[in-house]
Each structure stands twice: as C-alpha cells, then as structure tokens.
Amino acid sequence: MTKADVVEQQSESGGTSTPTSEVLLRCRWCRRVLPPAARTGRKRQFCRQSCRQWDWVARQRARDLELSESDLVVARSELDALRDDLYVLACAVDDVRRDLGAAGQRSARELREALDWLLAAAAPLRDREIATPTP
C-alpha cells in the first residue's frame, strides 16, 4: 500500500505554512508524485513500469537476504553526500538565525540575501533524487 504525503503550502496571509487537505500519492519506488487517479480501478502505485520492476527486484533481493521491511540499504557515498548537504543547511540556518537575532533593523536587501542563502543551501536536498539502481 502506498503512503500519501501531505503537501504544505504557504498561506497567502503572513507566509506561514499550513497543512492543506490535498494529498499527493507518490510512486512506491522513486517517490515521484503520481498523476491524479482514475475514478475506477485500483489505485496506482508506480509512475512507470520500470519502477514497478525495480520494486519487484528489490523485494526479491530483500527476501533472499532476509531483510525486514524496516531495514534499509544505502550506499555509503549517498549517505555521506546527504549528511554533507544537511550540514550545509544547518550552517545556513544558524547563520541566518544569528544575523536576524542581532540588534537593529534589517534592510530588504539583507533579508533577501539571507533568504537566498537559505534557499541555496536547501536546494541540493530539495533536488535530490533517489538514483535508480543499475543491474
């Protein structure tokens, strides 16, 4: 069964994020957002046939290795890259928090620079895709 992710949108008043009732279904393999479901038939679980195939291969391999549903196998290089990106984002948050916490008013340019720095630090995490394994 697929998991649904709740999308958060920026509310137009005040810029705070609020959960919305819109639920997006995602591909069980690559986590891409699935197109809206048809009114009839089973719910779609995969975005492409290749994702369905890779999911099947992964389940067979997990069964062979006696891995449970909660076990996860990740390449060390991928884990290291993720940790590096998280560290950069954490540093950006700390920098912006320190800059905004300092006494005095901030100009629009300074606020924009802080926002740009946060967005640049978050972009690698946002744009990260789980690589499809190669046989």
N, C-alpha and C. Protein backbone atom coordinates (compact mmCIF):
# COMPACT_ATOMS: atom_id res chain seq x y z
N MET A 1 0.85 -1.17 0.00
CA MET A 1 0.00 0.00 0.00
C MET A 1 0.89 1.23 0.00
N THR A 2 0.53 2.22 -0.79
CA THR A 2 1.35 3.42 -0.90
C THR A 2 1.08 4.35 0.26
N LYS A 3 2.07 5.16 0.54
CA LYS A 3 1.93 6.17 1.59
C LYS A 3 1.60 7.49 0.92
N ALA A 4 0.78 8.26 1.54
CA ALA A 4 0.43 9.58 0.99
C ALA A 4 1.17 10.64 1.77
N ASP A 5 1.67 11.59 1.04
CA ASP A 5 2.38 12.71 1.66
C ASP A 5 1.47 13.93 1.64
N VAL A 6 1.38 14.58 2.76
CA VAL A 6 0.57 15.79 2.84
C VAL A 6 1.44 16.97 2.43
N VAL A 7 0.94 17.71 1.50
CA VAL A 7 1.68 18.85 0.97
C VAL A 7 1.38 20.07 1.82
N GLU A 8 2.41 20.83 2.14
CA GLU A 8 2.21 22.07 2.86
C GLU A 8 2.37 23.22 1.88
N GLN A 9 1.47 24.13 1.96
CA GLN A 9 1.53 25.31 1.10
C GLN A 9 1.69 26.56 1.95
N GLN A 10 2.29 27.55 1.36
CA GLN A 10 2.40 28.83 2.04
C GLN A 10 1.04 29.49 2.03
N SER A 11 0.58 29.88 3.20
CA SER A 11 -0.69 30.61 3.22
C SER A 11 -0.41 32.02 2.71
N GLU A 12 -1.37 32.56 2.05
CA GLU A 12 -1.16 33.87 1.46
C GLU A 12 -1.10 34.97 2.51
N SER A 13 -1.61 34.69 3.69
CA SER A 13 -1.55 35.72 4.73
C SER A 13 -0.44 35.40 5.72
N GLY A 14 0.58 36.19 5.71
CA GLY A 14 1.64 36.05 6.69
C GLY A 14 2.77 35.14 6.31
N GLY A 15 2.62 34.34 5.26
CA GLY A 15 3.72 33.50 4.81
C GLY A 15 4.00 32.28 5.66
N THR A 16 3.10 31.91 6.57
CA THR A 16 3.32 30.73 7.38
C THR A 16 2.81 29.51 6.63
N SER A 17 3.43 28.37 6.84
CA SER A 17 2.99 27.18 6.14
C SER A 17 1.90 26.49 6.94
N THR A 18 0.87 26.07 6.22
CA THR A 18 -0.24 25.38 6.85
C THR A 18 -0.54 24.12 6.07
N PRO A 19 -0.85 23.02 6.76
CA PRO A 19 -1.17 21.81 6.02
C PRO A 19 -2.47 22.00 5.25
N THR A 20 -2.52 21.43 4.08
CA THR A 20 -3.72 21.51 3.25
C THR A 20 -4.33 20.13 3.15
N SER A 21 -5.56 20.06 2.74
CA SER A 21 -6.24 18.77 2.65
C SER A 21 -5.83 18.01 1.40
N GLU A 22 -5.05 18.62 0.52
CA GLU A 22 -4.62 17.97 -0.71
C GLU A 22 -3.59 16.88 -0.37
N VAL A 23 -3.88 15.67 -0.80
CA VAL A 23 -3.00 14.55 -0.53
C VAL A 23 -2.44 14.06 -1.86
N LEU A 24 -1.13 13.97 -1.96
CA LEU A 24 -0.48 13.52 -3.17
C LEU A 24 0.02 12.10 -2.97
N LEU A 25 -0.33 11.23 -3.88
CA LEU A 25 0.20 9.87 -3.84
C LEU A 25 1.53 9.86 -4.56
N ARG A 26 2.45 9.06 -4.05
CA ARG A 26 3.78 9.00 -4.64
C ARG A 26 4.11 7.58 -5.06
N CYS A 27 4.97 7.49 -6.05
CA CYS A 27 5.44 6.19 -6.56
C CYS A 27 6.13 5.44 -5.43
N ARG A 28 5.83 4.15 -5.30
CA ARG A 28 6.44 3.35 -4.24
C ARG A 28 7.94 3.21 -4.41
N TRP A 29 8.44 3.34 -5.63
CA TRP A 29 9.86 3.14 -5.86
C TRP A 29 10.64 4.45 -5.85
N CYS A 30 10.27 5.40 -6.70
CA CYS A 30 11.08 6.61 -6.87
C CYS A 30 10.54 7.82 -6.13
N ARG A 31 9.34 7.74 -5.56
CA ARG A 31 8.70 8.78 -4.77
C ARG A 31 8.25 9.99 -5.59
N ARG A 32 8.22 9.87 -6.93
CA ARG A 32 7.66 10.96 -7.74
C ARG A 32 6.16 11.03 -7.48
N VAL A 33 5.61 12.22 -7.64
CA VAL A 33 4.17 12.40 -7.46
C VAL A 33 3.44 11.71 -8.61
N LEU A 34 2.43 10.92 -8.26
CA LEU A 34 1.64 10.21 -9.27
C LEU A 34 0.57 11.14 -9.82
N PRO A 35 0.19 10.93 -11.09
CA PRO A 35 -0.90 11.74 -11.64
C PRO A 35 -2.21 11.42 -10.91
N PRO A 36 -3.19 12.29 -11.02
CA PRO A 36 -4.47 12.03 -10.35
C PRO A 36 -5.04 10.68 -10.76
N ALA A 37 -5.61 9.98 -9.80
CA ALA A 37 -6.14 8.64 -10.04
C ALA A 37 -7.43 8.69 -10.84
N ALA A 38 -7.65 7.64 -11.62
CA ALA A 38 -8.91 7.49 -12.34
C ALA A 38 -10.00 7.14 -11.32
N ARG A 39 -11.22 7.34 -11.70
CA ARG A 39 -12.33 7.07 -10.79
C ARG A 39 -12.53 5.57 -10.55
N THR A 40 -12.14 4.75 -11.49
CA THR A 40 -12.35 3.31 -11.36
C THR A 40 -11.02 2.58 -11.34
N GLY A 41 -11.04 1.36 -10.85
CA GLY A 41 -9.84 0.54 -10.85
C GLY A 41 -9.02 0.69 -9.59
N ARG A 42 -7.92 -0.05 -9.57
CA ARG A 42 -7.03 0.01 -8.41
C ARG A 42 -6.25 1.31 -8.39
N LYS A 43 -5.85 1.71 -7.20
CA LYS A 43 -5.03 2.90 -7.08
C LYS A 43 -3.66 2.61 -7.66
N ARG A 44 -3.13 3.57 -8.36
CA ARG A 44 -1.82 3.45 -8.97
C ARG A 44 -0.75 3.50 -7.89
N GLN A 45 0.27 2.65 -7.99
CA GLN A 45 1.35 2.62 -7.01
C GLN A 45 2.69 3.02 -7.59
N PHE A 46 2.83 2.97 -8.91
CA PHE A 46 4.10 3.25 -9.56
C PHE A 46 3.89 4.23 -10.70
N CYS A 47 4.90 5.06 -10.96
CA CYS A 47 4.77 6.05 -12.04
C CYS A 47 5.13 5.46 -13.40
N ARG A 48 5.97 4.44 -13.41
CA ARG A 48 6.40 3.81 -14.66
C ARG A 48 6.53 2.31 -14.45
N GLN A 49 6.53 1.59 -15.55
CA GLN A 49 6.72 0.15 -15.49
C GLN A 49 8.10 -0.19 -14.93
N SER A 50 9.10 0.62 -15.24
CA SER A 50 10.45 0.35 -14.73
C SER A 50 10.49 0.45 -13.20
N CYS A 51 9.71 1.37 -12.63
CA CYS A 51 9.65 1.48 -11.16
C CYS A 51 8.99 0.23 -10.57
N ARG A 52 7.95 -0.26 -11.21
CA ARG A 52 7.30 -1.49 -10.76
C ARG A 52 8.31 -2.65 -10.78
N GLN A 53 9.08 -2.72 -11.85
CA GLN A 53 10.07 -3.80 -11.98
C GLN A 53 11.16 -3.69 -10.92
N TRP A 54 11.69 -2.48 -10.71
CA TRP A 54 12.74 -2.31 -9.71
C TRP A 54 12.24 -2.62 -8.30
N ASP A 55 10.98 -2.27 -8.03
CA ASP A 55 10.41 -2.59 -6.73
C ASP A 55 10.32 -4.11 -6.54
N TRP A 56 9.92 -4.80 -7.59
CA TRP A 56 9.83 -6.27 -7.52
C TRP A 56 11.22 -6.86 -7.29
N VAL A 57 12.21 -6.39 -8.04
CA VAL A 57 13.59 -6.89 -7.88
C VAL A 57 14.08 -6.63 -6.46
N ALA A 58 13.81 -5.45 -5.93
CA ALA A 58 14.26 -5.11 -4.58
C ALA A 58 13.59 -6.01 -3.54
N ARG A 59 12.30 -6.28 -3.72
CA ARG A 59 11.62 -7.17 -2.76
C ARG A 59 12.16 -8.58 -2.82
N GLN A 60 12.48 -9.06 -4.03
CA GLN A 60 13.06 -10.40 -4.16
C GLN A 60 14.44 -10.46 -3.52
N ARG A 61 15.24 -9.44 -3.76
CA ARG A 61 16.59 -9.38 -3.18
C ARG A 61 16.52 -9.28 -1.66
N ALA A 62 15.60 -8.48 -1.14
CA ALA A 62 15.43 -8.35 0.31
C ALA A 62 15.02 -9.70 0.91
N ARG A 63 14.15 -10.41 0.22
CA ARG A 63 13.74 -11.73 0.70
C ARG A 63 14.94 -12.69 0.73
N ASP A 64 15.76 -12.65 -0.32
CA ASP A 64 16.95 -13.51 -0.39
C ASP A 64 17.93 -13.20 0.74
N LEU A 65 18.06 -11.93 1.10
CA LEU A 65 18.99 -11.51 2.14
C LEU A 65 18.36 -11.49 3.53
N GLU A 66 17.09 -11.87 3.60
CA GLU A 66 16.34 -11.91 4.85
C GLU A 66 16.29 -10.54 5.55
N LEU A 67 16.07 -9.52 4.75
CA LEU A 67 15.91 -8.17 5.28
C LEU A 67 14.45 -7.94 5.63
N SER A 68 14.21 -7.25 6.72
CA SER A 68 12.83 -6.94 7.09
C SER A 68 12.37 -5.69 6.35
N GLU A 69 11.10 -5.39 6.46
CA GLU A 69 10.53 -4.21 5.81
C GLU A 69 11.15 -2.92 6.36
N SER A 70 11.64 -2.95 7.59
CA SER A 70 12.21 -1.74 8.20
C SER A 70 13.70 -1.58 7.92
N ASP A 71 14.35 -2.57 7.34
CA ASP A 71 15.77 -2.47 7.02
C ASP A 71 15.95 -1.67 5.73
N LEU A 72 17.03 -0.90 5.69
CA LEU A 72 17.31 -0.07 4.54
C LEU A 72 18.79 -0.20 4.20
N VAL A 73 19.08 -0.39 2.92
CA VAL A 73 20.45 -0.50 2.46
C VAL A 73 20.75 0.75 1.65
N VAL A 74 21.78 1.49 2.07
CA VAL A 74 22.16 2.74 1.42
C VAL A 74 23.66 2.71 1.16
N ALA A 75 24.04 3.17 -0.02
CA ALA A 75 25.47 3.26 -0.33
C ALA A 75 26.10 4.31 0.58
N ARG A 76 27.28 4.02 1.08
CA ARG A 76 27.96 4.95 1.98
C ARG A 76 28.17 6.32 1.32
N SER A 77 28.47 6.33 0.04
CA SER A 77 28.69 7.61 -0.65
C SER A 77 27.41 8.45 -0.67
N GLU A 78 26.25 7.81 -0.84
CA GLU A 78 24.98 8.53 -0.82
C GLU A 78 24.69 9.08 0.57
N LEU A 79 24.96 8.28 1.59
CA LEU A 79 24.74 8.71 2.96
C LEU A 79 25.67 9.87 3.32
N ASP A 80 26.93 9.78 2.89
CA ASP A 80 27.88 10.87 3.14
C ASP A 80 27.45 12.16 2.45
N ALA A 81 26.98 12.05 1.20
CA ALA A 81 26.54 13.23 0.47
C ALA A 81 25.32 13.85 1.14
N LEU A 82 24.40 13.02 1.61
CA LEU A 82 23.22 13.52 2.31
C LEU A 82 23.62 14.24 3.60
N ARG A 83 24.53 13.65 4.35
CA ARG A 83 24.99 14.30 5.59
C ARG A 83 25.68 15.62 5.30
N ASP A 84 26.48 15.68 4.21
CA ASP A 84 27.13 16.94 3.84
C ASP A 84 26.11 18.02 3.52
N ASP A 85 25.08 17.66 2.74
CA ASP A 85 24.05 18.63 2.39
C ASP A 85 23.27 19.09 3.62
N LEU A 86 23.00 18.18 4.54
CA LEU A 86 22.31 18.55 5.78
C LEU A 86 23.16 19.48 6.64
N TYR A 87 24.48 19.24 6.66
CA TYR A 87 25.38 20.10 7.42
C TYR A 87 25.38 21.52 6.85
N VAL A 88 25.42 21.63 5.53
CA VAL A 88 25.40 22.95 4.89
C VAL A 88 24.10 23.68 5.23
N LEU A 89 22.98 22.95 5.19
CA LEU A 89 21.70 23.57 5.52
C LEU A 89 21.66 24.00 6.99
N ALA A 90 22.16 23.16 7.88
CA ALA A 90 22.18 23.51 9.30
C ALA A 90 23.03 24.76 9.54
N CYS A 91 24.18 24.87 8.87
CA CYS A 91 25.02 26.06 9.00
C CYS A 91 24.31 27.30 8.47
N ALA A 92 23.59 27.15 7.36
CA ALA A 92 22.85 28.29 6.80
C ALA A 92 21.77 28.75 7.77
N VAL A 93 21.05 27.82 8.37
CA VAL A 93 20.02 28.17 9.34
C VAL A 93 20.64 28.90 10.53
N ASP A 94 21.76 28.38 11.03
CA ASP A 94 22.45 29.03 12.16
C ASP A 94 22.90 30.44 11.79
N ASP A 95 23.46 30.60 10.58
CA ASP A 95 23.93 31.92 10.14
C ASP A 95 22.78 32.92 10.07
N VAL A 96 21.68 32.50 9.45
CA VAL A 96 20.54 33.40 9.28
C VAL A 96 19.92 33.72 10.63
N ARG A 97 19.80 32.71 11.50
CA ARG A 97 19.24 32.95 12.84
C ARG A 97 20.10 33.95 13.60
N ARG A 98 21.43 33.82 13.51
CA ARG A 98 22.33 34.74 14.19
C ARG A 98 22.22 36.14 13.60
N ASP A 99 22.17 36.23 12.27
CA ASP A 99 22.06 37.54 11.62
C ASP A 99 20.75 38.23 11.96
N LEU A 100 19.66 37.49 11.97
CA LEU A 100 18.36 38.09 12.27
C LEU A 100 18.20 38.40 13.74
N GLY A 101 18.92 37.68 14.60
CA GLY A 101 18.83 37.90 16.03
C GLY A 101 19.65 39.08 16.51
N ALA A 102 20.56 39.57 15.69
CA ALA A 102 21.39 40.72 16.07
C ALA A 102 20.52 41.97 16.15
N ALA A 103 20.95 42.89 16.99
CA ALA A 103 20.18 44.12 17.21
C ALA A 103 20.15 44.95 15.93
N GLY A 104 19.07 45.68 15.78
CA GLY A 104 18.95 46.59 14.64
C GLY A 104 17.98 46.08 13.59
N GLN A 105 17.54 47.02 12.76
CA GLN A 105 16.62 46.70 11.68
C GLN A 105 17.38 46.13 10.50
N ARG A 106 16.75 45.25 9.78
CA ARG A 106 17.35 44.67 8.57
C ARG A 106 16.71 45.33 7.35
N SER A 107 17.54 45.62 6.39
CA SER A 107 17.01 46.17 5.14
C SER A 107 16.42 45.03 4.31
N ALA A 108 15.65 45.40 3.33
CA ALA A 108 15.05 44.41 2.44
C ALA A 108 16.15 43.63 1.71
N ARG A 109 17.23 44.29 1.36
CA ARG A 109 18.34 43.63 0.67
C ARG A 109 18.99 42.58 1.58
N GLU A 110 19.20 42.93 2.84
CA GLU A 110 19.80 41.97 3.79
C GLU A 110 18.89 40.77 4.01
N LEU A 111 17.59 41.01 4.12
CA LEU A 111 16.65 39.90 4.28
C LEU A 111 16.64 39.02 3.04
N ARG A 112 16.70 39.64 1.87
CA ARG A 112 16.73 38.87 0.62
C ARG A 112 18.00 38.03 0.53
N GLU A 113 19.14 38.58 0.94
CA GLU A 113 20.39 37.83 0.93
C GLU A 113 20.32 36.63 1.87
N ALA A 114 19.71 36.81 3.04
CA ALA A 114 19.56 35.71 3.99
C ALA A 114 18.67 34.63 3.41
N LEU A 115 17.57 35.03 2.79
CA LEU A 115 16.66 34.07 2.17
C LEU A 115 17.34 33.34 1.02
N ASP A 116 18.07 34.07 0.20
CA ASP A 116 18.79 33.43 -0.92
C ASP A 116 19.80 32.41 -0.41
N TRP A 117 20.50 32.71 0.68
CA TRP A 117 21.47 31.80 1.27
C TRP A 117 20.78 30.53 1.76
N LEU A 118 19.63 30.69 2.43
CA LEU A 118 18.87 29.52 2.89
C LEU A 118 18.39 28.67 1.72
N LEU A 119 17.86 29.32 0.70
CA LEU A 119 17.37 28.57 -0.46
C LEU A 119 18.49 27.86 -1.20
N ALA A 120 19.63 28.50 -1.30
CA ALA A 120 20.78 27.86 -1.96
C ALA A 120 21.26 26.65 -1.17
N ALA A 121 21.22 26.75 0.15
CA ALA A 121 21.64 25.62 0.99
C ALA A 121 20.63 24.48 0.96
N ALA A 122 19.35 24.81 0.80
CA ALA A 122 18.31 23.78 0.79
C ALA A 122 18.12 23.15 -0.58
N ALA A 123 18.53 23.82 -1.63
CA ALA A 123 18.29 23.33 -2.99
C ALA A 123 18.84 21.92 -3.25
N PRO A 124 20.07 21.60 -2.83
CA PRO A 124 20.56 20.24 -3.09
C PRO A 124 19.70 19.16 -2.44
N LEU A 125 19.14 19.44 -1.27
CA LEU A 125 18.26 18.47 -0.62
C LEU A 125 16.93 18.38 -1.35
N ARG A 126 16.41 19.51 -1.76
CA ARG A 126 15.13 19.53 -2.47
C ARG A 126 15.23 18.84 -3.82
N ASP A 127 16.36 19.02 -4.49
CA ASP A 127 16.52 18.50 -5.85
C ASP A 127 17.07 17.07 -5.88
N ARG A 128 17.41 16.55 -4.72
CA ARG A 128 17.99 15.21 -4.66
C ARG A 128 16.95 14.18 -5.10
N GLU A 129 17.38 13.29 -5.96
CA GLU A 129 16.53 12.17 -6.36
C GLU A 129 17.22 10.89 -5.98
N ILE A 130 16.41 9.94 -5.64
CA ILE A 130 16.96 8.62 -5.33
C ILE A 130 17.35 7.98 -6.66
N ALA A 131 18.60 7.63 -6.77
CA ALA A 131 19.08 7.05 -8.01
C ALA A 131 18.49 5.67 -8.23
N THR A 132 18.11 5.39 -9.47
CA THR A 132 17.62 4.06 -9.81
C THR A 132 18.82 3.13 -9.88
N PRO A 133 18.77 1.99 -9.21
CA PRO A 133 19.91 1.08 -9.22
C PRO A 133 20.18 0.54 -10.60
N THR A 134 21.41 0.21 -10.84
CA THR A 134 21.77 -0.41 -12.11
C THR A 134 22.00 -1.91 -11.86
N PRO A 135 21.60 -2.72 -12.82
CA PRO A 135 21.73 -4.17 -12.60
C PRO A 135 23.16 -4.63 -12.50
